[in-house]
Every structure is written in structure tokens, then in C-alpha cells.
Amino acid sequence: MRTVYVVTHPESTHHLDRLVGGWYDSELTPEGERAAVAIAESLHAKVPEDVELYTSDLRRAARTAEVIGERLGVTPIPDRRLREKSYGEAGSKPQEWLDSRFVPPPAAGERLGHDEGIPGAETKGAMAARVYAAMDSILESDSEHQIVVTHGGALTFVIAAWIRMPLESAGYVDFRGPPGSVTVLREDDYFHNRQVVSLAGK
């Protein structure tokens, strides 16, 4: 049986400053650091010593993984494909700047390749494809216990990849996880069914 714990990094400076995150490399706040310690303690009570730990390479996620790794005695493996969506020119700008320019996707039609109106921003499809690829690599391992530290936006596609949702069908899916949440995924070793045991818990 395989269990994957998906951690969304806790509170970061861009949250408090009301700045667009994405690939803007913000840091954990003091409250975020405390939350990372609490997550590490919680995971320590649940996972064995042979756990694998993967993380986005952005500092707020990598720092979260570092705290978890220190508590569990494991070295995080960075993977830039687990990053949040890139918002291009909007990264590090005030959230209002993005909100005033953002073009939402249509209710029907092309959604994965939709141009959101922000120069340099990733499409939803491009983001989904790289997160799917990261999960493919992670799940090649035979480890029965894995931790993935990522971002709130990327969480959707971590779960979609886990349940083997075809990429071309992922244009509407949305799994929400607040900062500092833990989602538990599990595959049984008899039917090999993949469960979302809990979504965005603590």
C-alpha cells in the first residue's frame, strides 16, 4: 500500500503583502515557520523512517520541506515541476494589478490553453503538464510512504495526476487547499484503487 501526503506550504510573505505569488520567490513568515514545525510533528507521528520527501524548489516550499526533513531525518528532493503556476509579469506585483488585467477562462471551449491576458504567464495546461510529469517521476518509486510539498494551485494537478484524470480532461477540475494543509492520498495493494483519503486537512 502506498500513502502520499501532499503539503501546501504555510503562510508566506506574499500572502501578508497581498502580492502575486506564482514563481515570485517569497519566504515563509514567522507564523509560516511555526506552522511548518507543526506539520513536521504531525507527519512524524504518521510516517515511518523510510519516507521519501519531494518539494517544489521555490523557497517557501523548500523551507517547509527542510523543516519536515529535519524532523523526519530525510533529505528533501527538489523538483521545479512542483512549482506554483507562473503568473509571468504579474509575479511579485500587487494582487490588484493581476485582478484588473486577468481574463478568466470561458465556461465552455478551450480552457487548458486559454490566454489569461498576462504576458509571460503559464497556461493552465502547461502548468498541469509539468505537475503531471513530476508526479509520474515520483510514483516511479516503490516507496510506500511519500511526502510532496507544493503550492495551493499545484495541489489540484497533484491530485488529478494521482487519480489518473486524463490531462485533456483537467480543464475544469479544482481541489482547494489553504496554506499549511495536508492532503492524504492512498493506493491499496489489492485492487490498486487510488483514494483521496482526506483533502486539505491539518
N, C-alpha and C. Protein backbone atom coordinates (compact mmCIF):
# COMPACT_ATOMS: atom_id res chain seq x y z
N MET A 1 0.85 -1.19 0.00
CA MET A 1 0.00 0.00 0.00
C MET A 1 0.88 1.24 0.00
N ARG A 2 0.47 2.24 -0.78
CA ARG A 2 1.23 3.48 -0.86
C ARG A 2 0.39 4.63 -0.29
N THR A 3 1.03 5.47 0.51
CA THR A 3 0.38 6.66 1.03
C THR A 3 1.23 7.87 0.67
N VAL A 4 0.59 8.88 0.11
CA VAL A 4 1.26 10.12 -0.26
C VAL A 4 0.62 11.26 0.53
N TYR A 5 1.45 12.00 1.24
CA TYR A 5 0.99 13.18 1.98
C TYR A 5 1.38 14.41 1.18
N VAL A 6 0.40 15.19 0.77
CA VAL A 6 0.66 16.38 -0.04
C VAL A 6 0.49 17.62 0.83
N VAL A 7 1.58 18.34 1.02
CA VAL A 7 1.61 19.50 1.91
C VAL A 7 1.63 20.77 1.07
N THR A 8 0.70 21.68 1.35
CA THR A 8 0.79 23.02 0.76
C THR A 8 1.54 23.92 1.75
N HIS A 9 2.55 24.62 1.25
CA HIS A 9 3.38 25.41 2.16
C HIS A 9 2.53 26.38 2.98
N PRO A 10 2.93 26.66 4.22
CA PRO A 10 2.17 27.59 5.07
C PRO A 10 2.35 29.05 4.65
N GLU A 11 1.86 29.92 5.51
CA GLU A 11 1.83 31.36 5.22
C GLU A 11 3.18 31.90 4.80
N SER A 12 3.18 32.68 3.72
CA SER A 12 4.40 33.27 3.19
C SER A 12 4.25 34.79 3.11
N THR A 13 5.37 35.46 2.89
CA THR A 13 5.36 36.92 2.91
C THR A 13 4.44 37.50 1.85
N HIS A 14 4.32 36.85 0.70
CA HIS A 14 3.46 37.42 -0.34
C HIS A 14 1.99 37.39 0.06
N HIS A 15 1.61 36.44 0.94
CA HIS A 15 0.23 36.42 1.44
C HIS A 15 -0.05 37.69 2.25
N LEU A 16 0.85 38.02 3.18
CA LEU A 16 0.65 39.19 4.03
C LEU A 16 0.75 40.49 3.25
N ASP A 17 1.62 40.51 2.26
CA ASP A 17 1.84 41.74 1.50
C ASP A 17 0.85 41.91 0.35
N ARG A 18 -0.05 40.92 0.19
CA ARG A 18 -1.04 40.94 -0.89
C ARG A 18 -0.39 41.08 -2.25
N LEU A 19 0.68 40.28 -2.44
CA LEU A 19 1.38 40.25 -3.71
C LEU A 19 1.08 38.94 -4.43
N VAL A 20 1.21 38.97 -5.73
CA VAL A 20 1.02 37.75 -6.53
C VAL A 20 2.19 36.82 -6.26
N GLY A 21 1.90 35.57 -5.95
CA GLY A 21 2.94 34.59 -5.68
C GLY A 21 3.48 34.00 -6.97
N GLY A 22 2.93 32.88 -7.37
CA GLY A 22 3.45 32.23 -8.56
C GLY A 22 4.91 31.87 -8.38
N TRP A 23 5.75 32.28 -9.33
CA TRP A 23 7.18 31.98 -9.23
C TRP A 23 7.94 33.05 -8.48
N TYR A 24 7.28 34.07 -8.00
CA TYR A 24 7.92 35.04 -7.11
C TYR A 24 8.37 34.29 -5.86
N ASP A 25 9.65 34.41 -5.54
CA ASP A 25 10.26 33.52 -4.54
C ASP A 25 10.17 34.11 -3.14
N SER A 26 8.96 34.13 -2.59
CA SER A 26 8.75 34.68 -1.25
C SER A 26 9.19 33.69 -0.18
N GLU A 27 9.29 34.19 1.04
CA GLU A 27 9.74 33.39 2.18
C GLU A 27 8.56 33.05 3.10
N LEU A 28 8.73 32.04 3.94
CA LEU A 28 7.76 31.80 5.00
C LEU A 28 7.79 32.95 6.00
N THR A 29 6.63 33.32 6.51
CA THR A 29 6.56 34.27 7.61
C THR A 29 6.90 33.55 8.92
N PRO A 30 7.08 34.27 10.02
CA PRO A 30 7.25 33.59 11.31
C PRO A 30 6.09 32.63 11.62
N GLU A 31 4.87 33.05 11.30
CA GLU A 31 3.73 32.14 11.51
C GLU A 31 3.84 30.93 10.59
N GLY A 32 4.31 31.14 9.37
CA GLY A 32 4.53 30.03 8.46
C GLY A 32 5.57 29.06 8.97
N GLU A 33 6.63 29.60 9.58
CA GLU A 33 7.67 28.73 10.17
C GLU A 33 7.07 27.88 11.29
N ARG A 34 6.25 28.49 12.14
CA ARG A 34 5.63 27.73 13.23
C ARG A 34 4.69 26.66 12.69
N ALA A 35 3.96 27.00 11.63
CA ALA A 35 3.07 26.01 11.02
C ALA A 35 3.85 24.86 10.41
N ALA A 36 5.00 25.16 9.80
CA ALA A 36 5.83 24.10 9.22
C ALA A 36 6.30 23.13 10.30
N VAL A 37 6.67 23.66 11.47
CA VAL A 37 7.08 22.81 12.58
C VAL A 37 5.93 21.91 13.03
N ALA A 38 4.72 22.48 13.09
CA ALA A 38 3.55 21.70 13.49
C ALA A 38 3.24 20.60 12.48
N ILE A 39 3.37 20.92 11.20
CA ILE A 39 3.16 19.92 10.15
C ILE A 39 4.19 18.80 10.28
N ALA A 40 5.44 19.18 10.51
CA ALA A 40 6.51 18.19 10.67
C ALA A 40 6.22 17.26 11.83
N GLU A 41 5.76 17.81 12.95
CA GLU A 41 5.44 16.98 14.12
C GLU A 41 4.29 16.03 13.81
N SER A 42 3.28 16.53 13.12
CA SER A 42 2.14 15.70 12.77
C SER A 42 2.55 14.56 11.85
N LEU A 43 3.37 14.86 10.86
CA LEU A 43 3.81 13.81 9.94
C LEU A 43 4.72 12.80 10.64
N HIS A 44 5.53 13.29 11.57
CA HIS A 44 6.42 12.39 12.30
C HIS A 44 5.64 11.31 13.03
N ALA A 45 4.43 11.64 13.47
CA ALA A 45 3.61 10.67 14.19
C ALA A 45 2.93 9.68 13.25
N LYS A 46 2.99 9.94 11.94
CA LYS A 46 2.22 9.13 10.98
C LYS A 46 3.07 8.30 10.04
N VAL A 47 4.28 8.74 9.75
CA VAL A 47 5.06 8.09 8.71
C VAL A 47 6.28 7.39 9.28
N PRO A 48 6.73 6.31 8.63
CA PRO A 48 7.93 5.60 9.10
C PRO A 48 9.21 6.30 8.66
N GLU A 49 10.31 5.73 9.07
CA GLU A 49 11.61 6.36 8.79
C GLU A 49 12.00 6.31 7.32
N ASP A 50 11.43 5.39 6.56
CA ASP A 50 11.86 5.23 5.16
C ASP A 50 11.03 6.09 4.20
N VAL A 51 10.44 7.16 4.67
CA VAL A 51 9.64 8.04 3.83
C VAL A 51 10.51 8.80 2.84
N GLU A 52 9.96 9.08 1.66
CA GLU A 52 10.62 9.94 0.67
C GLU A 52 9.95 11.31 0.71
N LEU A 53 10.77 12.35 0.49
CA LEU A 53 10.29 13.72 0.61
C LEU A 53 10.67 14.51 -0.64
N TYR A 54 9.65 15.01 -1.34
CA TYR A 54 9.84 15.78 -2.56
C TYR A 54 9.29 17.19 -2.34
N THR A 55 9.88 18.17 -3.04
CA THR A 55 9.42 19.54 -2.83
C THR A 55 9.61 20.41 -4.07
N SER A 56 8.72 21.38 -4.22
CA SER A 56 8.97 22.49 -5.13
C SER A 56 10.28 23.17 -4.71
N ASP A 57 10.98 23.73 -5.69
CA ASP A 57 12.26 24.38 -5.37
C ASP A 57 12.09 25.84 -4.94
N LEU A 58 10.89 26.40 -5.00
CA LEU A 58 10.69 27.76 -4.52
C LEU A 58 10.88 27.81 -3.01
N ARG A 59 11.43 28.90 -2.51
CA ARG A 59 11.92 28.94 -1.12
C ARG A 59 10.84 28.63 -0.09
N ARG A 60 9.63 29.13 -0.29
CA ARG A 60 8.60 28.91 0.72
C ARG A 60 8.22 27.44 0.86
N ALA A 61 8.26 26.71 -0.25
CA ALA A 61 8.01 25.27 -0.20
C ALA A 61 9.26 24.52 0.26
N ALA A 62 10.41 24.91 -0.28
CA ALA A 62 11.66 24.22 0.08
C ALA A 62 11.96 24.36 1.57
N ARG A 63 11.66 25.54 2.15
CA ARG A 63 11.87 25.73 3.58
C ARG A 63 10.93 24.84 4.39
N THR A 64 9.68 24.74 3.94
CA THR A 64 8.73 23.84 4.60
C THR A 64 9.26 22.41 4.57
N ALA A 65 9.75 21.98 3.42
CA ALA A 65 10.29 20.63 3.29
C ALA A 65 11.55 20.45 4.15
N GLU A 66 12.35 21.50 4.26
CA GLU A 66 13.55 21.43 5.10
C GLU A 66 13.17 21.15 6.55
N VAL A 67 12.16 21.87 7.05
CA VAL A 67 11.71 21.67 8.43
C VAL A 67 11.17 20.26 8.62
N ILE A 68 10.39 19.79 7.66
CA ILE A 68 9.86 18.42 7.73
C ILE A 68 11.00 17.41 7.68
N GLY A 69 11.93 17.64 6.77
CA GLY A 69 13.05 16.71 6.62
C GLY A 69 13.91 16.63 7.86
N GLU A 70 14.14 17.76 8.51
CA GLU A 70 14.93 17.77 9.75
C GLU A 70 14.26 16.93 10.83
N ARG A 71 12.93 17.01 10.91
CA ARG A 71 12.21 16.24 11.94
C ARG A 71 12.18 14.76 11.61
N LEU A 72 12.10 14.43 10.32
CA LEU A 72 11.97 13.02 9.92
C LEU A 72 13.32 12.37 9.59
N GLY A 73 14.37 13.17 9.55
CA GLY A 73 15.67 12.62 9.23
C GLY A 73 15.82 12.21 7.77
N VAL A 74 15.25 13.01 6.87
CA VAL A 74 15.31 12.70 5.44
C VAL A 74 15.62 13.98 4.68
N THR A 75 16.35 13.85 3.60
CA THR A 75 16.74 14.99 2.78
C THR A 75 15.71 15.24 1.69
N PRO A 76 15.17 16.45 1.59
CA PRO A 76 14.18 16.74 0.54
C PRO A 76 14.81 16.67 -0.85
N ILE A 77 14.01 16.22 -1.80
CA ILE A 77 14.42 16.16 -3.21
C ILE A 77 13.68 17.28 -3.95
N PRO A 78 14.39 18.32 -4.40
CA PRO A 78 13.71 19.43 -5.07
C PRO A 78 13.32 19.09 -6.51
N ASP A 79 12.19 19.59 -6.94
CA ASP A 79 11.71 19.38 -8.30
C ASP A 79 10.95 20.64 -8.73
N ARG A 80 11.53 21.40 -9.66
CA ARG A 80 10.92 22.66 -10.08
C ARG A 80 9.56 22.45 -10.75
N ARG A 81 9.27 21.24 -11.18
CA ARG A 81 7.98 20.98 -11.81
C ARG A 81 6.82 21.04 -10.80
N LEU A 82 7.14 21.02 -9.50
CA LEU A 82 6.12 21.13 -8.46
C LEU A 82 5.83 22.58 -8.08
N ARG A 83 6.38 23.52 -8.82
CA ARG A 83 6.16 24.93 -8.54
C ARG A 83 4.69 25.32 -8.73
N GLU A 84 4.36 26.47 -8.13
CA GLU A 84 3.07 27.11 -8.37
C GLU A 84 3.02 27.56 -9.82
N LYS A 85 1.84 27.94 -10.27
CA LYS A 85 1.67 28.48 -11.61
C LYS A 85 2.50 29.75 -11.76
N SER A 86 3.13 29.90 -12.90
CA SER A 86 3.82 31.15 -13.19
C SER A 86 2.81 32.18 -13.68
N TYR A 87 2.82 33.35 -13.06
CA TYR A 87 1.96 34.44 -13.49
C TYR A 87 2.71 35.48 -14.30
N GLY A 88 3.88 35.10 -14.81
CA GLY A 88 4.61 35.98 -15.71
C GLY A 88 4.88 37.34 -15.10
N GLU A 89 4.54 38.40 -15.83
CA GLU A 89 4.82 39.77 -15.39
C GLU A 89 4.12 40.13 -14.08
N ALA A 90 3.08 39.38 -13.73
CA ALA A 90 2.32 39.70 -12.51
C ALA A 90 3.03 39.25 -11.24
N GLY A 91 3.97 38.33 -11.36
CA GLY A 91 4.66 37.82 -10.19
C GLY A 91 5.31 38.94 -9.38
N SER A 92 5.03 39.00 -8.09
CA SER A 92 5.54 39.98 -7.12
C SER A 92 4.80 41.31 -7.17
N LYS A 93 3.89 41.50 -8.14
CA LYS A 93 3.10 42.73 -8.19
C LYS A 93 1.91 42.62 -7.24
N PRO A 94 1.30 43.76 -6.88
CA PRO A 94 0.11 43.71 -6.04
C PRO A 94 -0.99 42.84 -6.66
N GLN A 95 -1.72 42.13 -5.84
CA GLN A 95 -2.79 41.27 -6.32
C GLN A 95 -3.79 42.05 -7.17
N GLU A 96 -4.02 43.32 -6.81
CA GLU A 96 -4.96 44.15 -7.56
C GLU A 96 -4.50 44.35 -9.00
N TRP A 97 -3.18 44.40 -9.21
CA TRP A 97 -2.64 44.56 -10.56
C TRP A 97 -3.06 43.38 -11.42
N LEU A 98 -2.93 42.17 -10.88
CA LEU A 98 -3.34 40.98 -11.61
C LEU A 98 -4.86 40.94 -11.79
N ASP A 99 -5.59 41.22 -10.74
CA ASP A 99 -7.04 41.13 -10.81
C ASP A 99 -7.63 42.04 -11.88
N SER A 100 -7.02 43.21 -12.07
CA SER A 100 -7.57 44.17 -13.03
C SER A 100 -7.26 43.80 -14.47
N ARG A 101 -6.34 42.87 -14.70
CA ARG A 101 -5.93 42.50 -16.05
C ARG A 101 -6.29 41.07 -16.42
N PHE A 102 -6.65 40.28 -15.43
CA PHE A 102 -6.86 38.84 -15.64
C PHE A 102 -8.10 38.60 -16.51
N VAL A 103 -7.94 37.72 -17.49
CA VAL A 103 -9.04 37.32 -18.37
C VAL A 103 -9.45 35.90 -17.98
N PRO A 104 -10.60 35.71 -17.34
CA PRO A 104 -10.98 34.37 -16.88
C PRO A 104 -11.27 33.44 -18.04
N PRO A 105 -11.13 32.14 -17.82
CA PRO A 105 -11.39 31.18 -18.89
C PRO A 105 -12.88 31.11 -19.22
N PRO A 106 -13.21 30.68 -20.43
CA PRO A 106 -14.62 30.58 -20.80
C PRO A 106 -15.30 29.42 -20.08
N ALA A 107 -16.62 29.49 -19.95
CA ALA A 107 -17.37 28.41 -19.33
C ALA A 107 -17.33 27.15 -20.17
N ALA A 108 -17.20 27.31 -21.47
CA ALA A 108 -17.10 26.17 -22.39
C ALA A 108 -16.06 26.50 -23.44
N GLY A 109 -15.46 25.44 -23.99
CA GLY A 109 -14.45 25.66 -25.02
C GLY A 109 -13.05 25.45 -24.48
N GLU A 110 -12.07 26.09 -25.08
CA GLU A 110 -10.67 25.90 -24.72
C GLU A 110 -10.36 26.54 -23.37
N ARG A 111 -9.99 25.72 -22.41
CA ARG A 111 -9.66 26.21 -21.07
C ARG A 111 -8.19 25.96 -20.72
N LEU A 112 -7.66 24.80 -21.11
CA LEU A 112 -6.27 24.48 -20.75
C LEU A 112 -5.28 25.40 -21.45
N GLY A 113 -5.59 25.80 -22.67
CA GLY A 113 -4.68 26.68 -23.41
C GLY A 113 -5.11 28.13 -23.40
N HIS A 114 -6.07 28.46 -22.56
CA HIS A 114 -6.62 29.83 -22.52
C HIS A 114 -5.56 30.86 -22.14
N ASP A 115 -5.54 31.97 -22.87
CA ASP A 115 -4.65 33.09 -22.60
C ASP A 115 -5.32 34.00 -21.57
N GLU A 116 -4.71 34.10 -20.39
CA GLU A 116 -5.30 34.89 -19.30
C GLU A 116 -4.99 36.37 -19.39
N GLY A 117 -4.28 36.79 -20.42
CA GLY A 117 -4.03 38.20 -20.64
C GLY A 117 -2.82 38.77 -19.92
N ILE A 118 -2.02 37.91 -19.30
CA ILE A 118 -0.84 38.36 -18.54
C ILE A 118 0.42 37.93 -19.30
N PRO A 119 1.21 38.86 -19.81
CA PRO A 119 2.42 38.50 -20.55
C PRO A 119 3.33 37.57 -19.74
N GLY A 120 3.76 36.50 -20.37
CA GLY A 120 4.70 35.57 -19.75
C GLY A 120 4.08 34.55 -18.83
N ALA A 121 2.77 34.61 -18.59
CA ALA A 121 2.13 33.66 -17.68
C ALA A 121 1.97 32.30 -18.33
N GLU A 122 2.06 31.27 -17.49
CA GLU A 122 1.78 29.91 -17.96
C GLU A 122 0.29 29.74 -18.22
N THR A 123 -0.02 28.90 -19.18
CA THR A 123 -1.41 28.46 -19.31
C THR A 123 -1.68 27.39 -18.27
N LYS A 124 -2.95 27.16 -18.00
CA LYS A 124 -3.34 26.10 -17.08
C LYS A 124 -2.83 24.76 -17.59
N GLY A 125 -2.89 24.56 -18.90
CA GLY A 125 -2.43 23.30 -19.48
C GLY A 125 -0.95 23.07 -19.30
N ALA A 126 -0.14 24.13 -19.46
CA ALA A 126 1.30 23.99 -19.29
C ALA A 126 1.64 23.65 -17.85
N MET A 127 0.97 24.30 -16.92
CA MET A 127 1.19 24.00 -15.51
C MET A 127 0.80 22.56 -15.20
N ALA A 128 -0.38 22.17 -15.67
CA ALA A 128 -0.86 20.81 -15.41
C ALA A 128 0.11 19.77 -15.97
N ALA A 129 0.63 20.01 -17.16
CA ALA A 129 1.52 19.03 -17.80
C ALA A 129 2.79 18.82 -16.99
N ARG A 130 3.36 19.90 -16.45
CA ARG A 130 4.61 19.72 -15.69
C ARG A 130 4.35 19.07 -14.34
N VAL A 131 3.22 19.40 -13.69
CA VAL A 131 2.91 18.75 -12.42
C VAL A 131 2.61 17.26 -12.64
N TYR A 132 1.89 16.94 -13.70
CA TYR A 132 1.65 15.54 -14.04
C TYR A 132 2.99 14.81 -14.24
N ALA A 133 3.92 15.46 -14.95
CA ALA A 133 5.22 14.83 -15.19
C ALA A 133 5.98 14.62 -13.89
N ALA A 134 5.90 15.58 -12.98
CA ALA A 134 6.56 15.42 -11.68
C ALA A 134 5.96 14.23 -10.93
N MET A 135 4.65 14.12 -10.93
CA MET A 135 4.01 13.00 -10.23
C MET A 135 4.36 11.67 -10.88
N ASP A 136 4.46 11.62 -12.19
CA ASP A 136 4.89 10.40 -12.87
C ASP A 136 6.25 9.96 -12.34
N SER A 137 7.17 10.92 -12.21
CA SER A 137 8.52 10.60 -11.71
C SER A 137 8.48 10.13 -10.26
N ILE A 138 7.72 10.82 -9.43
CA ILE A 138 7.63 10.47 -8.02
C ILE A 138 7.05 9.08 -7.84
N LEU A 139 6.03 8.75 -8.61
CA LEU A 139 5.34 7.47 -8.44
C LEU A 139 6.07 6.31 -9.11
N GLU A 140 7.16 6.59 -9.80
CA GLU A 140 8.01 5.50 -10.30
C GLU A 140 8.70 4.77 -9.15
N SER A 141 8.86 5.45 -8.04
CA SER A 141 9.48 4.84 -6.86
C SER A 141 8.56 3.78 -6.26
N ASP A 142 9.17 2.78 -5.63
CA ASP A 142 8.40 1.74 -4.95
C ASP A 142 8.10 2.09 -3.49
N SER A 143 8.52 3.27 -3.05
CA SER A 143 8.32 3.64 -1.66
C SER A 143 6.84 3.63 -1.29
N GLU A 144 6.54 3.14 -0.10
CA GLU A 144 5.15 3.07 0.35
C GLU A 144 4.71 4.34 1.08
N HIS A 145 5.66 5.23 1.36
CA HIS A 145 5.34 6.46 2.08
C HIS A 145 6.11 7.62 1.43
N GLN A 146 5.38 8.59 0.95
CA GLN A 146 5.99 9.74 0.29
C GLN A 146 5.31 11.03 0.75
N ILE A 147 6.08 12.09 0.80
CA ILE A 147 5.58 13.43 1.12
C ILE A 147 5.92 14.33 -0.05
N VAL A 148 4.94 15.10 -0.50
CA VAL A 148 5.14 16.06 -1.58
C VAL A 148 4.78 17.44 -1.06
N VAL A 149 5.74 18.36 -1.06
CA VAL A 149 5.50 19.74 -0.60
C VAL A 149 5.37 20.63 -1.82
N THR A 150 4.22 21.28 -1.94
CA THR A 150 3.96 22.08 -3.13
C THR A 150 3.15 23.32 -2.75
N HIS A 151 2.32 23.79 -3.66
CA HIS A 151 1.60 25.05 -3.53
C HIS A 151 0.11 24.82 -3.70
N GLY A 152 -0.68 25.79 -3.24
CA GLY A 152 -2.13 25.63 -3.31
C GLY A 152 -2.66 25.41 -4.71
N GLY A 153 -2.14 26.15 -5.67
CA GLY A 153 -2.59 25.97 -7.05
C GLY A 153 -2.16 24.65 -7.65
N ALA A 154 -0.95 24.23 -7.35
CA ALA A 154 -0.42 22.97 -7.90
C ALA A 154 -1.12 21.76 -7.30
N LEU A 155 -1.69 21.91 -6.11
CA LEU A 155 -2.37 20.78 -5.45
C LEU A 155 -3.41 20.13 -6.36
N THR A 156 -4.17 20.94 -7.08
CA THR A 156 -5.20 20.41 -7.97
C THR A 156 -4.63 19.36 -8.90
N PHE A 157 -3.49 19.65 -9.49
CA PHE A 157 -2.96 18.75 -10.52
C PHE A 157 -2.16 17.59 -9.92
N VAL A 158 -1.66 17.76 -8.69
CA VAL A 158 -1.10 16.61 -7.98
C VAL A 158 -2.18 15.57 -7.77
N ILE A 159 -3.35 16.01 -7.33
CA ILE A 159 -4.45 15.07 -7.09
C ILE A 159 -5.00 14.53 -8.40
N ALA A 160 -5.16 15.38 -9.40
CA ALA A 160 -5.67 14.91 -10.69
C ALA A 160 -4.75 13.85 -11.30
N ALA A 161 -3.44 14.07 -11.18
CA ALA A 161 -2.49 13.07 -11.68
C ALA A 161 -2.61 11.77 -10.88
N TRP A 162 -2.78 11.91 -9.57
CA TRP A 162 -2.90 10.73 -8.69
C TRP A 162 -4.08 9.85 -9.09
N ILE A 163 -5.23 10.46 -9.38
CA ILE A 163 -6.42 9.68 -9.73
C ILE A 163 -6.45 9.34 -11.23
N ARG A 164 -5.38 9.65 -11.90
CA ARG A 164 -5.22 9.35 -13.32
C ARG A 164 -6.30 10.02 -14.19
N MET A 165 -6.66 11.22 -13.82
CA MET A 165 -7.53 12.00 -14.70
C MET A 165 -6.74 12.35 -15.96
N PRO A 166 -7.29 12.05 -17.15
CA PRO A 166 -6.56 12.42 -18.37
C PRO A 166 -6.28 13.92 -18.40
N LEU A 167 -5.10 14.28 -18.83
CA LEU A 167 -4.71 15.69 -18.83
C LEU A 167 -5.70 16.53 -19.62
N GLU A 168 -6.18 16.00 -20.72
CA GLU A 168 -7.10 16.78 -21.55
C GLU A 168 -8.46 17.01 -20.88
N SER A 169 -8.71 16.29 -19.79
CA SER A 169 -9.97 16.47 -19.04
C SER A 169 -9.81 17.35 -17.82
N ALA A 170 -8.62 17.90 -17.61
CA ALA A 170 -8.32 18.62 -16.37
C ALA A 170 -8.63 20.11 -16.42
N GLY A 171 -9.32 20.56 -17.45
CA GLY A 171 -9.57 21.98 -17.60
C GLY A 171 -10.56 22.55 -16.61
N TYR A 172 -11.37 21.70 -16.00
CA TYR A 172 -12.39 22.18 -15.07
C TYR A 172 -12.10 21.83 -13.61
N VAL A 173 -11.19 20.91 -13.37
CA VAL A 173 -11.00 20.39 -12.02
C VAL A 173 -10.37 21.44 -11.10
N ASP A 174 -10.77 21.41 -9.83
CA ASP A 174 -10.22 22.36 -8.85
C ASP A 174 -10.34 21.75 -7.46
N PHE A 175 -9.20 21.41 -6.87
CA PHE A 175 -9.16 20.93 -5.49
C PHE A 175 -8.51 22.02 -4.66
N ARG A 176 -9.23 22.56 -3.69
CA ARG A 176 -8.73 23.69 -2.92
C ARG A 176 -8.01 23.23 -1.65
N GLY A 177 -6.88 23.85 -1.39
CA GLY A 177 -6.14 23.59 -0.16
C GLY A 177 -5.54 24.87 0.37
N PRO A 178 -5.89 25.31 1.56
CA PRO A 178 -5.33 26.54 2.11
C PRO A 178 -3.85 26.36 2.47
N PRO A 179 -3.14 27.44 2.70
CA PRO A 179 -1.74 27.31 3.12
C PRO A 179 -1.62 26.45 4.38
N GLY A 180 -0.63 25.58 4.37
CA GLY A 180 -0.38 24.74 5.53
C GLY A 180 -1.31 23.55 5.67
N SER A 181 -1.93 23.13 4.59
CA SER A 181 -2.83 21.98 4.65
C SER A 181 -2.10 20.70 4.25
N VAL A 182 -2.69 19.56 4.63
CA VAL A 182 -2.14 18.25 4.28
C VAL A 182 -3.25 17.40 3.68
N THR A 183 -3.04 16.96 2.47
CA THR A 183 -3.96 16.06 1.77
C THR A 183 -3.36 14.66 1.78
N VAL A 184 -4.17 13.66 2.07
CA VAL A 184 -3.69 12.28 2.16
C VAL A 184 -4.25 11.46 1.00
N LEU A 185 -3.35 10.86 0.24
CA LEU A 185 -3.70 10.02 -0.90
C LEU A 185 -3.24 8.59 -0.60
N ARG A 186 -4.03 7.61 -1.01
CA ARG A 186 -3.65 6.23 -0.69
C ARG A 186 -4.05 5.28 -1.82
N GLU A 187 -3.14 4.35 -2.13
CA GLU A 187 -3.41 3.28 -3.10
C GLU A 187 -3.32 1.94 -2.38
N ASP A 188 -4.40 1.14 -2.46
CA ASP A 188 -4.35 -0.16 -1.79
C ASP A 188 -3.57 -1.15 -2.65
N ASP A 189 -3.07 -2.20 -2.00
CA ASP A 189 -2.22 -3.16 -2.71
C ASP A 189 -2.98 -4.39 -3.19
N TYR A 190 -4.30 -4.33 -3.18
CA TYR A 190 -5.11 -5.45 -3.68
C TYR A 190 -5.83 -5.05 -4.96
N PHE A 191 -6.69 -4.05 -4.87
CA PHE A 191 -7.38 -3.55 -6.06
C PHE A 191 -6.56 -2.52 -6.81
N HIS A 192 -5.59 -1.93 -6.11
CA HIS A 192 -4.79 -0.81 -6.65
C HIS A 192 -5.68 0.38 -7.00
N ASN A 193 -6.73 0.56 -6.23
CA ASN A 193 -7.55 1.76 -6.33
C ASN A 193 -6.84 2.92 -5.66
N ARG A 194 -7.05 4.10 -6.17
CA ARG A 194 -6.41 5.29 -5.62
C ARG A 194 -7.45 6.18 -4.96
N GLN A 195 -7.25 6.41 -3.69
CA GLN A 195 -8.20 7.18 -2.89
C GLN A 195 -7.67 8.59 -2.58
N VAL A 196 -8.59 9.52 -2.45
CA VAL A 196 -8.30 10.79 -1.79
C VAL A 196 -8.88 10.62 -0.38
N VAL A 197 -8.03 10.23 0.57
CA VAL A 197 -8.48 9.88 1.90
C VAL A 197 -8.98 11.12 2.64
N SER A 198 -8.22 12.21 2.54
CA SER A 198 -8.64 13.48 3.14
C SER A 198 -8.08 14.61 2.31
N LEU A 199 -8.87 15.67 2.18
CA LEU A 199 -8.49 16.81 1.37
C LEU A 199 -8.22 18.01 2.26
N ALA A 200 -7.00 18.51 2.17
CA ALA A 200 -6.63 19.78 2.81
C ALA A 200 -6.94 19.81 4.29
N GLY A 201 -6.54 18.76 5.00
CA GLY A 201 -6.70 18.72 6.45
C GLY A 201 -5.48 19.29 7.14
N LYS A 202 -5.43 19.10 8.45
CA LYS A 202 -4.30 19.59 9.23
C LYS A 202 -3.50 18.42 9.79
